[in-house]
Amino acid sequence: MGQGSRNSNNLVVARANGALEQMKYEVAQELGISIPQDGYQGNMTSYENGSIGGYITKRLVTLAEQQLAGQYSGQ
C-alpha cells in the first residue's frame, strides 16, 4: 500500500483528533508498544495495532457510558 496514510475514518467532532492521537500514544505506552516517531505504523504487527485500537475503543465506550449515566468527570 505504500507509506501514504489512507485513513477513511471521518471524525464527527474534528476537534477530537488531538485527544484521540494522545490517547493512542497513552494506550500504546500502557501496553508496552512503541509507535515510531514518524507516526508510520505500517511496520507494526496487526496484533499491536489491533490491541491499541481495541483498548481505545474500550476506553471510549467506558467514557460514553459514564457520560450517559451522568457520571462524566471530564477526565
N, C-alpha and C. Protein backbone atom coordinates (compact mmCIF):
# COMPACT_ATOMS: atom_id res chain seq x y z
N MET A 1 0.80 -1.20 0.00
CA MET A 1 0.00 0.00 0.00
C MET A 1 0.84 1.26 0.00
N GLY A 2 2.10 1.15 0.29
CA GLY A 2 2.94 2.34 0.32
C GLY A 2 2.90 3.01 1.68
N GLN A 3 3.61 4.11 1.79
CA GLN A 3 3.71 4.76 3.07
C GLN A 3 2.69 5.88 3.25
N GLY A 4 1.87 6.15 2.26
CA GLY A 4 0.87 7.19 2.38
C GLY A 4 -0.25 6.77 3.31
N SER A 5 -0.75 7.71 4.08
CA SER A 5 -1.84 7.41 5.00
C SER A 5 -3.16 7.51 4.26
N ARG A 6 -3.92 6.44 4.25
CA ARG A 6 -5.21 6.44 3.58
C ARG A 6 -6.30 6.13 4.58
N ASN A 7 -6.38 6.92 5.62
CA ASN A 7 -7.36 6.72 6.68
C ASN A 7 -8.72 7.19 6.19
N SER A 8 -9.68 6.29 6.17
CA SER A 8 -11.01 6.64 5.69
C SER A 8 -11.96 6.98 6.84
N ASN A 9 -11.45 7.01 8.07
CA ASN A 9 -12.29 7.36 9.21
C ASN A 9 -12.54 8.86 9.23
N ASN A 10 -13.79 9.22 9.37
CA ASN A 10 -14.15 10.63 9.47
C ASN A 10 -14.61 10.91 10.89
N LEU A 11 -13.98 11.90 11.53
CA LEU A 11 -14.35 12.25 12.88
C LEU A 11 -15.63 13.06 12.87
N VAL A 12 -16.53 12.74 13.77
CA VAL A 12 -17.76 13.51 13.92
C VAL A 12 -17.43 14.87 14.53
N VAL A 13 -16.52 14.87 15.48
CA VAL A 13 -16.06 16.09 16.13
C VAL A 13 -14.59 16.27 15.75
N ALA A 14 -14.32 17.13 14.78
CA ALA A 14 -12.97 17.29 14.25
C ALA A 14 -11.97 17.71 15.33
N ARG A 15 -12.41 18.47 16.32
CA ARG A 15 -11.52 18.92 17.39
C ARG A 15 -11.04 17.78 18.26
N ALA A 16 -11.66 16.62 18.15
CA ALA A 16 -11.28 15.46 18.96
C ALA A 16 -10.01 14.79 18.46
N ASN A 17 -9.53 15.16 17.30
CA ASN A 17 -8.37 14.50 16.70
C ASN A 17 -7.15 14.50 17.62
N GLY A 18 -6.84 15.63 18.21
CA GLY A 18 -5.68 15.71 19.11
C GLY A 18 -5.82 14.80 20.31
N ALA A 19 -7.01 14.78 20.90
CA ALA A 19 -7.25 13.93 22.07
C ALA A 19 -7.14 12.46 21.70
N LEU A 20 -7.63 12.09 20.52
CA LEU A 20 -7.56 10.69 20.09
C LEU A 20 -6.11 10.29 19.80
N GLU A 21 -5.33 11.18 19.21
CA GLU A 21 -3.92 10.90 18.97
C GLU A 21 -3.19 10.71 20.30
N GLN A 22 -3.47 11.57 21.26
CA GLN A 22 -2.84 11.46 22.58
C GLN A 22 -3.23 10.14 23.23
N MET A 23 -4.50 9.76 23.11
CA MET A 23 -4.97 8.51 23.69
C MET A 23 -4.25 7.32 23.05
N LYS A 24 -4.02 7.40 21.75
CA LYS A 24 -3.34 6.32 21.04
C LYS A 24 -1.94 6.10 21.63
N TYR A 25 -1.21 7.18 21.85
CA TYR A 25 0.14 7.06 22.40
C TYR A 25 0.11 6.60 23.86
N GLU A 26 -0.87 7.06 24.63
CA GLU A 26 -1.00 6.64 26.03
C GLU A 26 -1.29 5.14 26.11
N VAL A 27 -2.23 4.68 25.30
CA VAL A 27 -2.60 3.26 25.31
C VAL A 27 -1.41 2.42 24.86
N ALA A 28 -0.72 2.84 23.81
CA ALA A 28 0.45 2.09 23.34
C ALA A 28 1.49 1.99 24.43
N GLN A 29 1.73 3.07 25.15
CA GLN A 29 2.71 3.06 26.24
C GLN A 29 2.27 2.10 27.34
N GLU A 30 0.97 2.12 27.69
CA GLU A 30 0.46 1.22 28.72
C GLU A 30 0.63 -0.24 28.32
N LEU A 31 0.52 -0.52 27.02
CA LEU A 31 0.65 -1.88 26.53
C LEU A 31 2.09 -2.27 26.24
N GLY A 32 3.02 -1.31 26.38
CA GLY A 32 4.42 -1.59 26.11
C GLY A 32 4.74 -1.67 24.63
N ILE A 33 3.96 -0.96 23.81
CA ILE A 33 4.16 -0.96 22.37
C ILE A 33 4.73 0.40 21.97
N SER A 34 5.77 0.38 21.16
CA SER A 34 6.40 1.62 20.70
C SER A 34 5.85 1.99 19.33
N ILE A 35 5.31 3.20 19.23
CA ILE A 35 4.88 3.73 17.94
C ILE A 35 6.05 4.54 17.39
N PRO A 36 6.46 4.29 16.15
CA PRO A 36 7.61 5.01 15.59
C PRO A 36 7.42 6.53 15.65
N GLN A 37 8.52 7.25 15.82
CA GLN A 37 8.49 8.71 15.94
C GLN A 37 7.86 9.37 14.72
N ASP A 38 8.05 8.78 13.54
CA ASP A 38 7.49 9.39 12.33
C ASP A 38 5.99 9.13 12.18
N GLY A 39 5.42 8.34 13.09
CA GLY A 39 3.98 8.08 13.06
C GLY A 39 3.56 6.98 12.11
N TYR A 40 4.47 6.49 11.29
CA TYR A 40 4.14 5.44 10.33
C TYR A 40 4.02 4.11 11.06
N GLN A 41 2.84 3.51 11.03
CA GLN A 41 2.59 2.28 11.76
C GLN A 41 2.58 1.06 10.84
N GLY A 42 2.98 1.23 9.60
CA GLY A 42 2.94 0.13 8.63
C GLY A 42 3.86 -1.03 8.95
N ASN A 43 4.89 -0.77 9.75
CA ASN A 43 5.82 -1.84 10.11
C ASN A 43 5.45 -2.52 11.42
N MET A 44 4.36 -2.07 12.04
CA MET A 44 3.90 -2.70 13.28
C MET A 44 3.04 -3.91 12.92
N THR A 45 2.95 -4.85 13.85
CA THR A 45 2.15 -6.05 13.57
C THR A 45 0.66 -5.74 13.68
N SER A 46 -0.14 -6.57 13.06
CA SER A 46 -1.58 -6.44 13.16
C SER A 46 -2.04 -6.58 14.60
N TYR A 47 -1.37 -7.45 15.33
CA TYR A 47 -1.70 -7.66 16.74
C TYR A 47 -1.48 -6.37 17.54
N GLU A 48 -0.35 -5.71 17.30
CA GLU A 48 -0.05 -4.47 18.02
C GLU A 48 -1.08 -3.39 17.69
N ASN A 49 -1.32 -3.18 16.40
CA ASN A 49 -2.29 -2.16 16.01
C ASN A 49 -3.69 -2.50 16.50
N GLY A 50 -4.06 -3.76 16.43
CA GLY A 50 -5.37 -4.19 16.90
C GLY A 50 -5.53 -4.02 18.40
N SER A 51 -4.47 -4.29 19.14
CA SER A 51 -4.51 -4.12 20.59
C SER A 51 -4.72 -2.66 20.96
N ILE A 52 -3.99 -1.78 20.29
CA ILE A 52 -4.13 -0.35 20.56
C ILE A 52 -5.56 0.09 20.23
N GLY A 53 -6.04 -0.26 19.06
CA GLY A 53 -7.40 0.12 18.66
C GLY A 53 -8.47 -0.45 19.57
N GLY A 54 -8.27 -1.69 20.00
CA GLY A 54 -9.24 -2.32 20.89
C GLY A 54 -9.33 -1.63 22.24
N TYR A 55 -8.17 -1.28 22.79
CA TYR A 55 -8.17 -0.60 24.09
C TYR A 55 -8.71 0.81 23.98
N ILE A 56 -8.45 1.49 22.86
CA ILE A 56 -9.02 2.83 22.66
C ILE A 56 -10.54 2.72 22.62
N THR A 57 -11.05 1.75 21.88
CA THR A 57 -12.50 1.56 21.78
C THR A 57 -13.10 1.27 23.15
N LYS A 58 -12.45 0.40 23.91
CA LYS A 58 -12.93 0.06 25.25
C LYS A 58 -12.98 1.30 26.14
N ARG A 59 -11.93 2.13 26.07
CA ARG A 59 -11.88 3.34 26.88
C ARG A 59 -12.95 4.35 26.45
N LEU A 60 -13.16 4.49 25.13
CA LEU A 60 -14.18 5.42 24.64
C LEU A 60 -15.59 4.97 25.03
N VAL A 61 -15.83 3.67 24.99
CA VAL A 61 -17.14 3.15 25.41
C VAL A 61 -17.36 3.42 26.89
N THR A 62 -16.34 3.22 27.69
CA THR A 62 -16.44 3.49 29.13
C THR A 62 -16.76 4.96 29.38
N LEU A 63 -16.05 5.86 28.68
CA LEU A 63 -16.32 7.30 28.82
C LEU A 63 -17.75 7.65 28.42
N ALA A 64 -18.23 7.05 27.34
CA ALA A 64 -19.59 7.32 26.88
C ALA A 64 -20.62 6.80 27.88
N GLU A 65 -20.38 5.62 28.43
CA GLU A 65 -21.30 5.07 29.43
C GLU A 65 -21.36 5.96 30.66
N GLN A 66 -20.21 6.45 31.10
CA GLN A 66 -20.17 7.35 32.26
C GLN A 66 -20.91 8.65 31.96
N GLN A 67 -20.72 9.16 30.76
CA GLN A 67 -21.39 10.40 30.39
C GLN A 67 -22.90 10.21 30.33
N LEU A 68 -23.33 9.10 29.76
CA LEU A 68 -24.76 8.81 29.68
C LEU A 68 -25.37 8.61 31.07
N ALA A 69 -24.58 8.10 31.98
CA ALA A 69 -25.06 7.87 33.34
C ALA A 69 -24.96 9.14 34.20
N GLY A 70 -24.44 10.22 33.61
CA GLY A 70 -24.32 11.46 34.35
C GLY A 70 -23.15 11.48 35.31
N GLN A 71 -22.19 10.58 35.10
CA GLN A 71 -21.06 10.48 36.00
C GLN A 71 -19.76 10.98 35.36
N TYR A 72 -19.85 11.58 34.20
CA TYR A 72 -18.65 12.02 33.50
C TYR A 72 -17.98 13.14 34.27
N SER A 73 -16.70 12.94 34.57
CA SER A 73 -15.98 13.92 35.39
C SER A 73 -15.01 14.77 34.56
N GLY A 74 -15.01 14.62 33.24
CA GLY A 74 -14.18 15.43 32.38
C GLY A 74 -12.74 14.99 32.29
N GLN A 75 -12.43 13.74 32.60
CA GLN A 75 -11.05 13.24 32.53
C GLN A 75 -10.67 12.93 31.12
